[in-house]
């Protein structure tokens, strides 16, 4: 695992957004937000680089937006 400052800061930011989504989903009973929060909180553990981590985060948030908009 890379412990560069960019990787650590990116994983902190993405995990905090995931925590916020998880807490919101838990409080409101929204399973989409709950799942997205879990995905964003866990994704930094498996991402090999900063770019991959941000692509996963953008993909998850775009998926949540798409589900909220069209489902």
PDB file of N, CA and C in Angstrom:
ATOM      1  N   UNK A   1       0.846  -1.184   0.000  1.00  0.00           N
ATOM      2  CA  UNK A   1       0.000   0.000   0.000  1.00  0.00           C
ATOM      3  C   UNK A   1       0.890   1.246   0.000  1.00  0.00           C
ATOM      4  N   UNK A   2       0.503   2.185  -0.820  1.00  0.00           N
ATOM      5  CA  UNK A   2       1.247   3.433  -0.959  1.00  0.00           C
ATOM      6  C   UNK A   2       0.869   4.379   0.180  1.00  0.00           C
ATOM      7  N   UNK A   3       1.845   4.909   0.867  1.00  0.00           N
ATOM      8  CA  UNK A   3       1.569   5.820   1.978  1.00  0.00           C
ATOM      9  C   UNK A   3       1.998   7.245   1.658  1.00  0.00           C
ATOM     10  N   UNK A   4       1.854   7.636   0.399  1.00  0.00           N
ATOM     11  CA  UNK A   4       2.195   9.000   0.011  1.00  0.00           C
ATOM     12  C   UNK A   4       1.147   9.959   0.568  1.00  0.00           C
ATOM     13  N   UNK A   5       1.488  11.224   0.724  1.00  0.00           N
ATOM     14  CA  UNK A   5       0.523  12.189   1.253  1.00  0.00           C
ATOM     15  C   UNK A   5      -0.745  12.304   0.401  1.00  0.00           C
ATOM     16  N   UNK A   6      -0.610  12.210  -0.911  1.00  0.00           N
ATOM     17  CA  UNK A   6      -1.784  12.278  -1.778  1.00  0.00           C
ATOM     18  C   UNK A   6      -2.726  11.116  -1.550  1.00  0.00           C
ATOM     19  N   UNK A   7      -2.171   9.934  -1.383  1.00  0.00           N
ATOM     20  CA  UNK A   7      -2.987   8.744  -1.142  1.00  0.00           C
ATOM     21  C   UNK A   7      -3.686   8.831   0.207  1.00  0.00           C
ATOM     22  N   UNK A   8      -2.969   9.257   1.226  1.00  0.00           N
ATOM     23  CA  UNK A   8      -3.566   9.353   2.554  1.00  0.00           C
ATOM     24  C   UNK A   8      -4.663  10.423   2.606  1.00  0.00           C
ATOM     25  N   UNK A   9      -4.397  11.579   2.018  1.00  0.00           N
ATOM     26  CA  UNK A   9      -5.380  12.655   2.030  1.00  0.00           C
ATOM     27  C   UNK A   9      -6.609  12.283   1.203  1.00  0.00           C
ATOM     28  N   UNK A  10      -6.391  11.650   0.057  1.00  0.00           N
ATOM     29  CA  UNK A  10      -7.514  11.234  -0.785  1.00  0.00           C
ATOM     30  C   UNK A  10      -8.373  10.191  -0.083  1.00  0.00           C
ATOM     31  N   UNK A  11      -7.742   9.227   0.556  1.00  0.00           N
ATOM     32  CA  UNK A  11      -8.521   8.201   1.251  1.00  0.00           C
ATOM     33  C   UNK A  11      -9.277   8.790   2.438  1.00  0.00           C
ATOM     34  N   UNK A  12      -8.705   9.790   3.093  1.00  0.00           N
ATOM     35  CA  UNK A  12      -9.405  10.454   4.189  1.00  0.00           C
ATOM     36  C   UNK A  12     -10.643  11.172   3.686  1.00  0.00           C
ATOM     37  N   UNK A  13     -10.510  11.938   2.605  1.00  0.00           N
ATOM     38  CA  UNK A  13     -11.630  12.703   2.059  1.00  0.00           C
ATOM     39  C   UNK A  13     -12.728  11.766   1.562  1.00  0.00           C
ATOM     40  N   UNK A  14     -12.362  10.755   0.792  1.00  0.00           N
ATOM     41  CA  UNK A  14     -13.353   9.833   0.232  1.00  0.00           C
ATOM     42  C   UNK A  14     -14.045   9.044   1.339  1.00  0.00           C
ATOM     43  N   UNK A  15     -13.309   8.617   2.332  1.00  0.00           N
ATOM     44  CA  UNK A  15     -13.915   7.877   3.442  1.00  0.00           C
ATOM     45  C   UNK A  15     -14.836   8.750   4.280  1.00  0.00           C
ATOM     46  N   UNK A  16     -14.496  10.026   4.445  1.00  0.00           N
ATOM     47  CA  UNK A  16     -15.388  10.926   5.185  1.00  0.00           C
ATOM     48  C   UNK A  16     -16.689  11.165   4.429  1.00  0.00           C
ATOM     49  N   UNK A  17     -16.616  11.283   3.126  1.00  0.00           N
ATOM     50  CA  UNK A  17     -17.843  11.405   2.329  1.00  0.00           C
ATOM     51  C   UNK A  17     -18.663  10.123   2.447  1.00  0.00           C
ATOM     52  N   UNK A  18     -17.978   8.986   2.420  1.00  0.00           N
ATOM     53  CA  UNK A  18     -18.661   7.703   2.604  1.00  0.00           C
ATOM     54  C   UNK A  18     -19.319   7.594   3.969  1.00  0.00           C
ATOM     55  N   UNK A  19     -18.656   8.074   4.995  1.00  0.00           N
ATOM     56  CA  UNK A  19     -19.235   8.061   6.332  1.00  0.00           C
ATOM     57  C   UNK A  19     -20.484   8.925   6.389  1.00  0.00           C
ATOM     58  N   UNK A  20     -20.411  10.114   5.769  1.00  0.00           N
ATOM     59  CA  UNK A  20     -21.575  10.990   5.731  1.00  0.00           C
ATOM     60  C   UNK A  20     -22.749  10.347   5.010  1.00  0.00           C
ATOM     61  N   UNK A  21     -22.473   9.713   3.874  1.00  0.00           N
ATOM     62  CA  UNK A  21     -23.537   9.024   3.140  1.00  0.00           C
ATOM     63  C   UNK A  21     -24.102   7.865   3.948  1.00  0.00           C
ATOM     64  N   UNK A  22     -23.232   7.125   4.603  1.00  0.00           N
ATOM     65  CA  UNK A  22     -23.686   6.005   5.422  1.00  0.00           C
ATOM     66  C   UNK A  22     -24.595   6.479   6.551  1.00  0.00           C
ATOM     67  N   UNK A  23     -24.185   7.521   7.246  1.00  0.00           N
ATOM     68  CA  UNK A  23     -25.010   8.024   8.352  1.00  0.00           C
ATOM     69  C   UNK A  23     -26.341   8.579   7.853  1.00  0.00           C
ATOM     70  N   UNK A  24     -26.313   9.273   6.717  1.00  0.00           N
ATOM     71  CA  UNK A  24     -27.553   9.782   6.138  1.00  0.00           C
ATOM     72  C   UNK A  24     -28.468   8.634   5.723  1.00  0.00           C
ATOM     73  N   UNK A  25     -27.916   7.627   5.079  1.00  0.00           N
ATOM     74  CA  UNK A  25     -28.715   6.484   4.658  1.00  0.00           C
ATOM     75  C   UNK A  25     -29.288   5.713   5.821  1.00  0.00           C
ATOM     76  N   UNK A  26     -28.520   5.605   6.892  1.00  0.00           N
ATOM     77  CA  UNK A  26     -28.996   4.902   8.080  1.00  0.00           C
ATOM     78  C   UNK A  26     -30.121   5.674   8.746  1.00  0.00           C
ATOM     79  N   UNK A  27     -29.973   6.986   8.849  1.00  0.00           N
ATOM     80  CA  UNK A  27     -30.968   7.811   9.524  1.00  0.00           C
ATOM     81  C   UNK A  27     -32.269   7.890   8.719  1.00  0.00           C
ATOM     82  N   UNK A  28     -32.151   8.016   7.393  1.00  0.00           N
ATOM     83  CA  UNK A  28     -33.341   8.176   6.565  1.00  0.00           C
ATOM     84  C   UNK A  28     -33.901   6.843   6.064  1.00  0.00           C
ATOM     85  N   UNK A  29     -33.194   5.757   6.257  1.00  0.00           N
ATOM     86  CA  UNK A  29     -33.654   4.459   5.791  1.00  0.00           C
ATOM     87  C   UNK A  29     -33.474   4.279   4.289  1.00  0.00           C
ATOM     88  N   UNK A  30     -32.581   5.042   3.689  1.00  0.00           N
ATOM     89  CA  UNK A  30     -32.325   4.981   2.257  1.00  0.00           C
ATOM     90  C   UNK A  30     -31.210   3.970   1.994  1.00  0.00           C
ATOM     91  N   UNK A  31     -31.583   2.826   1.439  1.00  0.00           N
ATOM     92  CA  UNK A  31     -30.598   1.769   1.237  1.00  0.00           C
ATOM     93  C   UNK A  31     -29.585   2.112   0.155  1.00  0.00           C
ATOM     94  N   UNK A  32     -29.957   2.947  -0.813  1.00  0.00           N
ATOM     95  CA  UNK A  32     -29.007   3.340  -1.859  1.00  0.00           C
ATOM     96  C   UNK A  32     -27.861   4.151  -1.251  1.00  0.00           C
ATOM     97  N   UNK A  33     -28.191   5.107  -0.422  1.00  0.00           N
ATOM     98  CA  UNK A  33     -27.153   5.918   0.228  1.00  0.00           C
ATOM     99  C   UNK A  33     -26.345   5.088   1.211  1.00  0.00           C
ATOM    100  N   UNK A  34     -26.998   4.184   1.877  1.00  0.00           N
ATOM    101  CA  UNK A  34     -26.304   3.305   2.820  1.00  0.00           C
ATOM    102  C   UNK A  34     -25.265   2.459   2.088  1.00  0.00           C
ATOM    103  N   UNK A  35     -25.650   1.859   0.971  1.00  0.00           N
ATOM    104  CA  UNK A  35     -24.721   1.051   0.184  1.00  0.00           C
ATOM    105  C   UNK A  35     -23.611   1.883  -0.429  1.00  0.00           C
ATOM    106  N   UNK A  36     -23.954   3.075  -0.917  1.00  0.00           N
ATOM    107  CA  UNK A  36     -22.939   3.960  -1.477  1.00  0.00           C
ATOM    108  C   UNK A  36     -21.937   4.404  -0.423  1.00  0.00           C
ATOM    109  N   UNK A  37     -22.425   4.668   0.781  1.00  0.00           N
ATOM    110  CA  UNK A  37     -21.531   5.049   1.870  1.00  0.00           C
ATOM    111  C   UNK A  37     -20.577   3.941   2.252  1.00  0.00           C
ATOM    112  N   UNK A  38     -21.089   2.731   2.268  1.00  0.00           N
ATOM    113  CA  UNK A  38     -20.218   1.586   2.570  1.00  0.00           C
ATOM    114  C   UNK A  38     -19.180   1.412   1.466  1.00  0.00           C
ATOM    115  N   UNK A  39     -19.630   1.547   0.218  1.00  0.00           N
ATOM    116  CA  UNK A  39     -18.696   1.394  -0.913  1.00  0.00           C
ATOM    117  C   UNK A  39     -17.598   2.455  -0.876  1.00  0.00           C
ATOM    118  N   UNK A  40     -17.973   3.701  -0.571  1.00  0.00           N
ATOM    119  CA  UNK A  40     -16.961   4.759  -0.514  1.00  0.00           C
ATOM    120  C   UNK A  40     -16.041   4.610   0.696  1.00  0.00           C
ATOM    121  N   UNK A  41     -16.532   4.051   1.762  1.00  0.00           N
ATOM    122  CA  UNK A  41     -15.691   3.872   2.947  1.00  0.00           C
ATOM    123  C   UNK A  41     -14.696   2.727   2.781  1.00  0.00           C
ATOM    124  N   UNK A  42     -15.065   1.724   2.008  1.00  0.00           N
ATOM    125  CA  UNK A  42     -14.224   0.540   1.852  1.00  0.00           C
ATOM    126  C   UNK A  42     -13.302   0.654   0.641  1.00  0.00           C
ATOM    127  N   UNK A  43     -13.688   1.412  -0.369  1.00  0.00           N
ATOM    128  CA  UNK A  43     -12.925   1.489  -1.624  1.00  0.00           C
ATOM    129  C   UNK A  43     -11.464   1.900  -1.449  1.00  0.00           C
ATOM    130  N   UNK A  44     -11.126   2.843  -0.578  1.00  0.00           N
ATOM    131  CA  UNK A  44      -9.701   3.218  -0.457  1.00  0.00           C
ATOM    132  C   UNK A  44      -8.793   2.082   0.011  1.00  0.00           C
ATOM    133  N   UNK A  45      -9.339   1.069   0.648  1.00  0.00           N
ATOM    134  CA  UNK A  45      -8.503  -0.049   1.092  1.00  0.00           C
ATOM    135  C   UNK A  45      -8.024  -0.905  -0.075  1.00  0.00           C
ATOM    136  N   UNK A  46      -8.791  -0.916  -1.172  1.00  0.00           N
ATOM    137  CA  UNK A  46      -8.484  -1.813  -2.282  1.00  0.00           C
ATOM    138  C   UNK A  46      -7.944  -1.095  -3.509  1.00  0.00           C
ATOM    139  N   UNK A  47      -7.867   0.220  -3.482  1.00  0.00           N
ATOM    140  CA  UNK A  47      -7.385   0.977  -4.638  1.00  0.00           C
ATOM    141  C   UNK A  47      -5.852   1.003  -4.638  1.00  0.00           C
ATOM    142  N   UNK A  48      -5.247   0.634  -5.752  1.00  0.00           N
ATOM    143  CA  UNK A  48      -3.781   0.611  -5.796  1.00  0.00           C
ATOM    144  C   UNK A  48      -3.139   1.975  -6.021  1.00  0.00           C
ATOM    145  N   UNK A  49      -3.912   2.953  -6.507  1.00  0.00           N
ATOM    146  CA  UNK A  49      -3.337   4.272  -6.760  1.00  0.00           C
ATOM    147  C   UNK A  49      -4.391   5.347  -6.505  1.00  0.00           C
ATOM    148  N   UNK A  50      -3.924   6.582  -6.480  1.00  0.00           N
ATOM    149  CA  UNK A  50      -4.813   7.713  -6.220  1.00  0.00           C
ATOM    150  C   UNK A  50      -5.826   7.867  -7.354  1.00  0.00           C
ATOM    151  N   UNK A  51      -5.366   7.706  -8.590  1.00  0.00           N
ATOM    152  CA  UNK A  51      -6.262   7.868  -9.737  1.00  0.00           C
ATOM    153  C   UNK A  51      -7.381   6.825  -9.725  1.00  0.00           C
ATOM    154  N   UNK A  52      -7.043   5.594  -9.417  1.00  0.00           N
ATOM    155  CA  UNK A  52      -8.056   4.533  -9.357  1.00  0.00           C
ATOM    156  C   UNK A  52      -9.040   4.807  -8.223  1.00  0.00           C
ATOM    157  N   UNK A  53      -8.527   5.280  -7.112  1.00  0.00           N
ATOM    158  CA  UNK A  53      -9.399   5.590  -5.972  1.00  0.00           C
ATOM    159  C   UNK A  53     -10.412   6.673  -6.337  1.00  0.00           C
ATOM    160  N   UNK A  54      -9.950   7.732  -7.003  1.00  0.00           N
ATOM    161  CA  UNK A  54     -10.852   8.806  -7.391  1.00  0.00           C
ATOM    162  C   UNK A  54     -11.820   8.346  -8.475  1.00  0.00           C
ATOM    163  N   UNK A  55     -11.401   7.464  -9.372  1.00  0.00           N
ATOM    164  CA  UNK A  55     -12.321   6.947 -10.384  1.00  0.00           C
ATOM    165  C   UNK A  55     -13.427   6.112  -9.745  1.00  0.00           C
ATOM    166  N   UNK A  56     -13.072   5.329  -8.741  1.00  0.00           N
ATOM    167  CA  UNK A  56     -14.078   4.548  -8.020  1.00  0.00           C
ATOM    168  C   UNK A  56     -15.049   5.481  -7.306  1.00  0.00           C
ATOM    169  N   UNK A  57     -14.525   6.518  -6.665  1.00  0.00           N
ATOM    170  CA  UNK A  57     -15.380   7.460  -5.935  1.00  0.00           C
ATOM    171  C   UNK A  57     -16.322   8.194  -6.890  1.00  0.00           C
ATOM    172  N   UNK A  58     -15.808   8.620  -8.032  1.00  0.00           N
ATOM    173  CA  UNK A  58     -16.659   9.301  -9.016  1.00  0.00           C
ATOM    174  C   UNK A  58     -17.702   8.340  -9.563  1.00  0.00           C
ATOM    175  N   UNK A  59     -17.323   7.097  -9.795  1.00  0.00           N
ATOM    176  CA  UNK A  59     -18.275   6.104 -10.289  1.00  0.00           C
ATOM    177  C   UNK A  59     -19.392   5.820  -9.304  1.00  0.00           C
ATOM    178  N   UNK A  60     -19.045   5.688  -8.042  1.00  0.00           N
ATOM    179  CA  UNK A  60     -20.064   5.422  -7.024  1.00  0.00           C
ATOM    180  C   UNK A  60     -21.003   6.612  -6.876  1.00  0.00           C
ATOM    181  N   UNK A  61     -20.456   7.816  -6.827  1.00  0.00           N
ATOM    182  CA  UNK A  61     -21.319   8.988  -6.668  1.00  0.00           C
ATOM    183  C   UNK A  61     -22.162   9.223  -7.919  1.00  0.00           C
ATOM    184  N   UNK A  62     -21.620   8.967  -9.112  1.00  0.00           N
ATOM    185  CA  UNK A  62     -22.421   9.092 -10.340  1.00  0.00           C
ATOM    186  C   UNK A  62     -23.529   8.047 -10.360  1.00  0.00           C
ATOM    187  N   UNK A  63     -23.222   6.853  -9.887  1.00  0.00           N
ATOM    188  CA  UNK A  63     -24.252   5.821  -9.786  1.00  0.00           C
ATOM    189  C   UNK A  63     -25.363   6.201  -8.819  1.00  0.00           C
ATOM    190  N   UNK A  64     -24.995   6.778  -7.690  1.00  0.00           N
ATOM    191  CA  UNK A  64     -26.006   7.235  -6.733  1.00  0.00           C
ATOM    192  C   UNK A  64     -26.860   8.350  -7.318  1.00  0.00           C
ATOM    193  N   UNK A  65     -26.223   9.257  -8.046  1.00  0.00           N
ATOM    194  CA  UNK A  65     -26.968  10.342  -8.678  1.00  0.00           C
ATOM    195  C   UNK A  65     -27.921   9.780  -9.722  1.00  0.00           C
ATOM    196  N   UNK A  66     -27.450   8.835 -10.509  1.00  0.00           N
ATOM    197  CA  UNK A  66     -28.305   8.222 -11.522  1.00  0.00           C
ATOM    198  C   UNK A  66     -29.477   7.476 -10.911  1.00  0.00           C
ATOM    199  N   UNK A  67     -29.228   6.765  -9.825  1.00  0.00           N
ATOM    200  CA  UNK A  67     -30.311   6.048  -9.155  1.00  0.00           C
ATOM    201  C   UNK A  67     -31.336   7.023  -8.552  1.00  0.00           C
ATOM    202  N   UNK A  68     -30.856   8.112  -8.001  1.00  0.00           N
ATOM    203  CA  UNK A  68     -31.770   9.085  -7.405  1.00  0.00           C
ATOM    204  C   UNK A  68     -32.580   9.830  -8.476  1.00  0.00           C
ATOM    205  N   UNK A  69     -31.952  10.058  -9.614  1.00  0.00           N
ATOM    206  CA  UNK A  69     -32.594  10.828 -10.672  1.00  0.00           C
ATOM    207  C   UNK A  69     -33.609   9.991 -11.465  1.00  0.00           C
ATOM    208  N   UNK A  70     -33.245   8.761 -11.806  1.00  0.00           N
ATOM    209  CA  UNK A  70     -34.069   7.974 -12.705  1.00  0.00           C
ATOM    210  C   UNK A  70     -34.722   6.758 -12.070  1.00  0.00           C
ATOM    211  N   UNK A  71     -34.495   6.468 -10.819  1.00  0.00           N
ATOM    212  CA  UNK A  71     -35.129   5.293 -10.198  1.00  0.00           C
ATOM    213  C   UNK A  71     -36.048   5.688  -9.074  1.00  0.00           C
TER     214      UNK A  71
END
